[in-house]
Amino acid sequence: MAPRKSPLHRLTRVAREISLNVIGCAVVAALVFPVYWAICVALQSDQTPLITPPSLIPLHLVFSNVSQAFDAETSDIMTSLIVSCAAVAVGLAVGFPAAYALKRFRLRYTAVVIGVLLVTQMVPSISLSIAFYSLFDDVHLLNSYIGLILADSTYAVPLMVLLLRAFLESVPDELIEAARLDGCGEVRCMISVVTPVAVPGIMTAAMFGFLGAWGDFLFGLTLNSGSSVQPVTLGLYKFVTVYSNSWGPIMATVVLAAIPAAVILGIGQRWVRSGLRAGALQ
């Protein structure tokens, strides 16, 4: 029979749980408040929130700022969506087979390959952007969707290989061997057997690849000079430069630019949780 816990022990446990919940709520509030403050500024007519703080409970909503931001940034948001989704597609098309090969075939230099992929994630974007400018200028890919997609894919592919390999380590080798005994080749085994099991890991890698491409600024600034093919980060930068004293439109643009990424993350969060959990167990 298990010993009964003393009232002091139960009180200590309750106090600890309450303290942790309070700390968690405080951290979440600190992270969410800037977003809420931006929404409040975007929906009010006062253009000088640094001088006159906006009301935290706006009673008289103004949507002209949102309309102005929407008219200015719609094309840039569509550009970022196209580039980000295409970079994810390229990353998965290259990264998933590479991750499967690293998991399936125990090569002698697998550790070296993984080390090189990790190093590529540490290279500053500004260094790559300078090299890409000269290369893309020679092949006429500046100011183009293809140039931005290829540039963003240089970060998406290594990241996806690392994430997917960690997840694929949780796939039992017996499952693959059983498919091989039934006559599946390596390609069919990867597509028909491993891919359905690896959906959480694929969605996790896709989410991180999308966020990396969506938040890119240096490639958009370096590889596009005055063209209509510019991502939302560059459009936001130019918008702030033009409306430097109009905080309402600026904050409306910030909120508008964050909505697509927030929606996609909200849709895929359950796959992200399961994918990261599976990879962390390795």
Protein backbone atom coordinates (compact mmCIF):
# COMPACT_ATOMS: atom_id res chain seq x y z
CA MET A 1 0.00 0.00 0.00
CA ALA A 2 1.44 3.34 -1.05
CA PRO A 3 2.06 5.79 1.81
CA ARG A 4 -0.33 8.70 2.03
CA LYS A 5 1.13 12.05 1.10
CA SER A 6 1.14 14.63 3.83
CA PRO A 7 -0.95 17.81 3.50
CA LEU A 8 2.30 19.82 3.38
CA HIS A 9 3.51 17.78 0.41
CA ARG A 10 0.23 18.28 -1.48
CA LEU A 11 0.28 21.99 -0.68
CA THR A 12 3.84 22.28 -1.98
CA ARG A 13 2.91 20.50 -5.19
CA VAL A 14 -0.12 22.74 -5.76
CA ALA A 15 1.96 25.85 -5.05
CA ARG A 16 4.61 24.70 -7.54
CA GLU A 17 2.02 24.05 -10.25
CA ILE A 18 0.40 27.44 -9.68
CA SER A 19 3.79 29.16 -9.81
CA LEU A 20 4.70 27.41 -13.08
CA ASN A 21 1.34 28.33 -14.62
CA VAL A 22 1.73 31.97 -13.57
CA ILE A 23 5.25 32.11 -15.03
CA GLY A 24 4.04 30.47 -18.25
CA CYS A 25 1.16 32.94 -18.60
CA ALA A 26 3.55 35.85 -17.99
CA VAL A 27 5.95 34.62 -20.69
CA VAL A 28 3.11 34.11 -23.18
CA ALA A 29 1.70 37.56 -22.39
CA ALA A 30 5.12 39.16 -22.94
CA LEU A 31 5.40 37.44 -26.33
CA VAL A 32 1.85 38.19 -27.47
CA PHE A 33 1.63 41.81 -26.28
CA PRO A 34 3.74 43.33 -29.13
CA VAL A 35 1.42 41.69 -31.66
CA TYR A 36 -1.65 42.96 -29.82
CA TRP A 37 -0.13 46.44 -29.59
CA ALA A 38 0.54 46.43 -33.35
CA ILE A 39 -3.08 45.45 -34.00
CA CYS A 40 -4.30 48.26 -31.73
CA VAL A 41 -2.15 50.82 -33.56
CA ALA A 42 -3.29 49.51 -36.95
CA LEU A 43 -6.97 49.87 -36.03
CA GLN A 44 -6.79 53.42 -34.63
CA SER A 45 -6.42 56.75 -36.34
CA ASP A 46 -3.62 58.12 -34.12
CA GLN A 47 -0.41 58.11 -36.17
CA THR A 48 2.02 58.89 -33.32
CA PRO A 49 1.83 55.96 -30.84
CA LEU A 50 5.29 56.77 -29.47
CA ILE A 51 3.98 60.16 -28.32
CA THR A 52 0.38 59.29 -27.51
CA PRO A 53 0.05 55.59 -26.64
CA PRO A 54 -2.91 53.91 -28.35
CA SER A 55 -5.85 52.63 -26.37
CA LEU A 56 -5.35 48.97 -25.51
CA ILE A 57 -9.10 48.47 -25.88
CA PRO A 58 -9.92 50.29 -29.13
CA LEU A 59 -13.52 51.47 -29.19
CA HIS A 60 -13.50 53.39 -32.47
CA LEU A 61 -12.03 51.12 -35.13
CA VAL A 62 -10.50 52.60 -38.28
CA PHE A 63 -9.91 50.28 -41.25
CA SER A 64 -8.31 52.78 -43.62
CA ASN A 65 -4.84 51.71 -42.46
CA VAL A 66 -5.59 48.07 -43.25
CA SER A 67 -6.99 49.01 -46.65
CA GLN A 68 -3.91 51.07 -47.47
CA ALA A 69 -1.58 48.25 -46.40
CA PHE A 70 -3.59 45.68 -48.35
CA ASP A 71 -3.43 47.74 -51.54
CA ALA A 72 0.32 48.24 -51.17
CA GLU A 73 1.41 44.73 -50.15
CA THR A 74 -0.95 42.27 -51.85
CA SER A 75 1.38 41.60 -54.78
CA ASP A 76 4.38 41.23 -52.47
CA ILE A 77 2.51 38.75 -50.27
CA MET A 78 1.61 36.70 -53.34
CA THR A 79 5.26 36.78 -54.43
CA SER A 80 6.38 35.51 -51.03
CA LEU A 81 3.73 32.78 -51.09
CA ILE A 82 4.87 31.59 -54.53
CA VAL A 83 8.56 31.69 -53.64
CA SER A 84 8.09 30.06 -50.22
CA CYS A 85 5.87 27.24 -51.51
CA ALA A 86 8.22 26.60 -54.43
CA ALA A 87 11.25 26.55 -52.10
CA VAL A 88 9.45 24.01 -49.91
CA ALA A 89 8.66 21.87 -52.97
CA VAL A 90 12.30 21.95 -54.10
CA GLY A 91 13.48 21.23 -50.56
CA LEU A 92 11.22 18.19 -50.20
CA ALA A 93 11.98 16.89 -53.70
CA VAL A 94 15.71 16.93 -52.91
CA GLY A 95 15.73 16.60 -49.14
CA PHE A 96 13.44 13.61 -48.61
CA PRO A 97 15.30 11.22 -50.98
CA ALA A 98 18.61 12.41 -49.52
CA ALA A 99 17.39 11.84 -45.96
CA TYR A 100 16.07 8.39 -46.93
CA ALA A 101 19.42 7.48 -48.48
CA LEU A 102 21.31 8.61 -45.37
CA LYS A 103 19.00 6.50 -43.20
CA ARG A 104 18.80 3.45 -45.48
CA PHE A 105 22.42 3.13 -46.57
CA ARG A 106 24.98 3.29 -43.78
CA LEU A 107 27.74 4.93 -45.75
CA ARG A 108 31.25 5.34 -44.48
CA TYR A 109 31.18 9.13 -44.66
CA THR A 110 27.63 9.74 -43.43
CA ALA A 111 28.92 11.70 -40.42
CA VAL A 112 30.94 13.93 -42.75
CA VAL A 113 27.87 14.62 -44.89
CA ILE A 114 25.83 15.52 -41.80
CA GLY A 115 28.64 17.79 -40.61
CA VAL A 116 28.75 19.60 -43.97
CA LEU A 117 24.97 20.10 -43.87
CA LEU A 118 25.26 21.59 -40.38
CA VAL A 119 28.03 23.93 -41.50
CA THR A 120 25.90 25.19 -44.38
CA GLN A 121 23.31 26.35 -41.86
CA MET A 122 25.95 28.53 -40.19
CA VAL A 123 27.02 30.42 -43.32
CA PRO A 124 25.72 34.02 -43.15
CA SER A 125 23.12 34.87 -45.77
CA ILE A 126 24.98 38.03 -46.75
CA SER A 127 27.98 35.96 -47.88
CA LEU A 128 25.81 33.75 -50.08
CA SER A 129 23.83 36.67 -51.46
CA ILE A 130 26.97 38.35 -52.79
CA ALA A 131 28.07 35.15 -54.51
CA PHE A 132 24.56 34.53 -55.84
CA TYR A 133 24.37 38.03 -57.31
CA SER A 134 27.40 37.45 -59.51
CA LEU A 135 26.28 33.94 -60.49
CA PHE A 136 22.65 34.85 -61.20
CA ASP A 137 23.72 37.91 -63.16
CA ASP A 138 25.70 35.65 -65.50
CA VAL A 139 22.71 33.34 -66.10
CA HIS A 140 20.10 36.15 -66.17
CA LEU A 141 18.21 35.09 -63.04
CA LEU A 142 18.23 38.43 -61.25
CA ASN A 143 14.79 39.99 -60.64
CA SER A 144 13.07 36.66 -61.22
CA TYR A 145 11.04 34.11 -59.30
CA ILE A 146 13.45 31.32 -60.20
CA GLY A 147 16.39 33.21 -58.73
CA LEU A 148 14.63 33.78 -55.41
CA ILE A 149 13.41 30.18 -55.28
CA LEU A 150 16.89 28.76 -55.91
CA ALA A 151 18.45 31.11 -53.36
CA ASP A 152 15.94 30.23 -50.63
CA SER A 153 16.30 26.53 -51.47
CA THR A 154 19.98 26.65 -50.47
CA TYR A 155 18.81 26.89 -46.86
CA ALA A 156 15.66 24.80 -47.19
CA VAL A 157 17.38 21.69 -48.59
CA PRO A 158 20.04 21.17 -45.86
CA LEU A 159 17.53 21.97 -43.12
CA MET A 160 15.01 19.48 -44.48
CA VAL A 161 17.63 16.77 -44.90
CA LEU A 162 18.65 17.12 -41.24
CA LEU A 163 15.08 17.19 -39.93
CA LEU A 164 13.83 14.35 -42.11
CA ARG A 165 16.81 12.14 -41.37
CA ALA A 166 16.21 12.55 -37.63
CA PHE A 167 12.57 11.61 -38.13
CA LEU A 168 13.27 8.67 -40.45
CA GLU A 169 15.49 7.14 -37.78
CA SER A 170 12.25 6.38 -35.91
CA VAL A 171 10.92 4.33 -38.84
CA PRO A 172 11.59 0.62 -38.07
CA ASP A 173 14.05 -1.08 -40.40
CA GLU A 174 11.82 -4.16 -40.26
CA LEU A 175 9.09 -2.23 -42.12
CA ILE A 176 11.45 -1.46 -44.97
CA GLU A 177 12.85 -4.97 -45.06
CA ALA A 178 9.34 -6.45 -45.21
CA ALA A 179 8.55 -4.25 -48.18
CA ARG A 180 11.79 -5.29 -49.83
CA LEU A 181 10.90 -8.97 -49.35
CA ASP A 182 7.54 -8.32 -51.03
CA GLY A 183 9.37 -7.12 -54.11
CA CYS A 184 9.46 -3.33 -53.60
CA GLY A 185 12.40 -1.50 -55.09
CA GLU A 186 14.08 1.29 -53.16
CA VAL A 187 12.14 4.05 -54.94
CA ARG A 188 8.76 2.35 -54.52
CA CYS A 189 9.59 1.48 -50.91
CA MET A 190 10.42 5.11 -50.21
CA ILE A 191 7.25 6.42 -51.87
CA SER A 192 4.68 3.78 -50.93
CA VAL A 193 5.93 2.59 -47.53
CA VAL A 194 8.08 5.24 -45.87
CA THR A 195 6.35 8.40 -47.11
CA PRO A 196 2.93 7.68 -45.46
CA VAL A 197 4.68 6.94 -42.16
CA ALA A 198 6.85 10.07 -42.45
CA VAL A 199 4.01 12.55 -42.99
CA PRO A 200 4.53 14.29 -39.58
CA GLY A 201 8.24 14.70 -40.29
CA ILE A 202 7.57 15.93 -43.82
CA MET A 203 5.06 18.49 -42.56
CA THR A 204 7.50 19.64 -39.87
CA ALA A 205 10.30 20.11 -42.40
CA ALA A 206 7.90 21.89 -44.76
CA MET A 207 6.80 24.30 -42.02
CA PHE A 208 10.36 25.26 -41.12
CA GLY A 209 11.34 25.55 -44.78
CA PHE A 210 8.34 27.77 -45.46
CA LEU A 211 9.11 30.06 -42.51
CA GLY A 212 12.74 30.37 -43.57
CA ALA A 213 11.77 31.40 -47.11
CA TRP A 214 8.91 33.62 -45.92
CA GLY A 215 11.18 35.58 -43.59
CA ASP A 216 14.04 35.99 -46.05
CA PHE A 217 15.14 39.57 -46.56
CA LEU A 218 18.76 39.58 -47.73
CA PHE A 219 18.19 37.47 -50.85
CA GLY A 220 15.17 39.58 -51.76
CA LEU A 221 17.16 42.78 -51.29
CA THR A 222 20.27 41.61 -53.13
CA LEU A 223 18.78 39.67 -56.03
CA ASN A 224 15.97 42.11 -56.87
CA SER A 225 16.63 45.73 -57.74
CA GLY A 226 13.51 47.76 -58.34
CA SER A 227 11.50 44.97 -59.96
CA SER A 228 7.94 43.89 -59.28
CA VAL A 229 9.20 40.47 -58.12
CA GLN A 230 9.94 41.31 -54.51
CA PRO A 231 9.04 39.40 -51.33
CA VAL A 232 6.89 40.84 -48.59
CA THR A 233 9.90 41.49 -46.35
CA LEU A 234 11.42 43.81 -48.95
CA GLY A 235 8.02 45.38 -49.61
CA LEU A 236 7.61 46.03 -45.89
CA TYR A 237 11.08 47.61 -45.76
CA LYS A 238 10.21 49.98 -48.61
CA PHE A 239 6.78 50.67 -47.11
CA VAL A 240 8.36 51.73 -43.81
CA THR A 241 10.78 53.97 -45.70
CA VAL A 242 7.92 55.76 -47.49
CA TYR A 243 5.54 55.96 -44.52
CA SER A 244 8.13 56.47 -41.79
CA ASN A 245 5.84 58.83 -39.84
CA SER A 246 2.58 56.94 -40.41
CA TRP A 247 2.53 54.24 -37.77
CA GLY A 248 -1.01 53.08 -38.49
CA PRO A 249 -0.32 51.85 -42.05
CA ILE A 250 3.06 50.46 -40.97
CA MET A 251 1.55 48.34 -38.19
CA ALA A 252 -1.29 47.26 -40.48
CA THR A 253 1.32 46.08 -42.98
CA VAL A 254 3.20 44.18 -40.28
CA VAL A 255 0.04 42.40 -39.14
CA LEU A 256 -1.02 41.68 -42.72
CA ALA A 257 2.38 40.20 -43.57
CA ALA A 258 2.23 37.89 -40.54
CA ILE A 259 -1.22 36.44 -41.27
CA PRO A 260 -0.29 33.86 -44.00
CA ALA A 261 2.54 32.37 -41.93
CA ALA A 262 0.33 32.29 -38.83
CA VAL A 263 -2.47 30.53 -40.73
CA ILE A 264 -0.13 27.89 -42.19
CA LEU A 265 1.47 27.26 -38.80
CA GLY A 266 -1.94 26.99 -37.18
CA ILE A 267 -3.01 24.39 -39.73
CA GLY A 268 0.16 22.33 -39.46
CA GLN A 269 0.92 22.62 -35.75
CA ARG A 270 -0.22 19.10 -34.86
CA TRP A 271 2.16 17.63 -37.44
CA VAL A 272 4.94 19.91 -36.22
CA ARG A 273 4.50 18.70 -32.62
CA SER A 274 4.51 15.03 -33.54
CA GLY A 275 7.37 15.45 -35.99
CA LEU A 276 9.63 17.24 -33.51
CA ARG A 277 8.73 14.72 -30.80
CA ALA A 278 9.68 11.81 -33.02
CA GLY A 279 12.96 13.41 -34.04
CA ALA A 280 13.83 14.29 -30.44
CA LEU A 281 13.59 10.64 -29.41
CA GLN A 282 16.54 9.68 -31.56
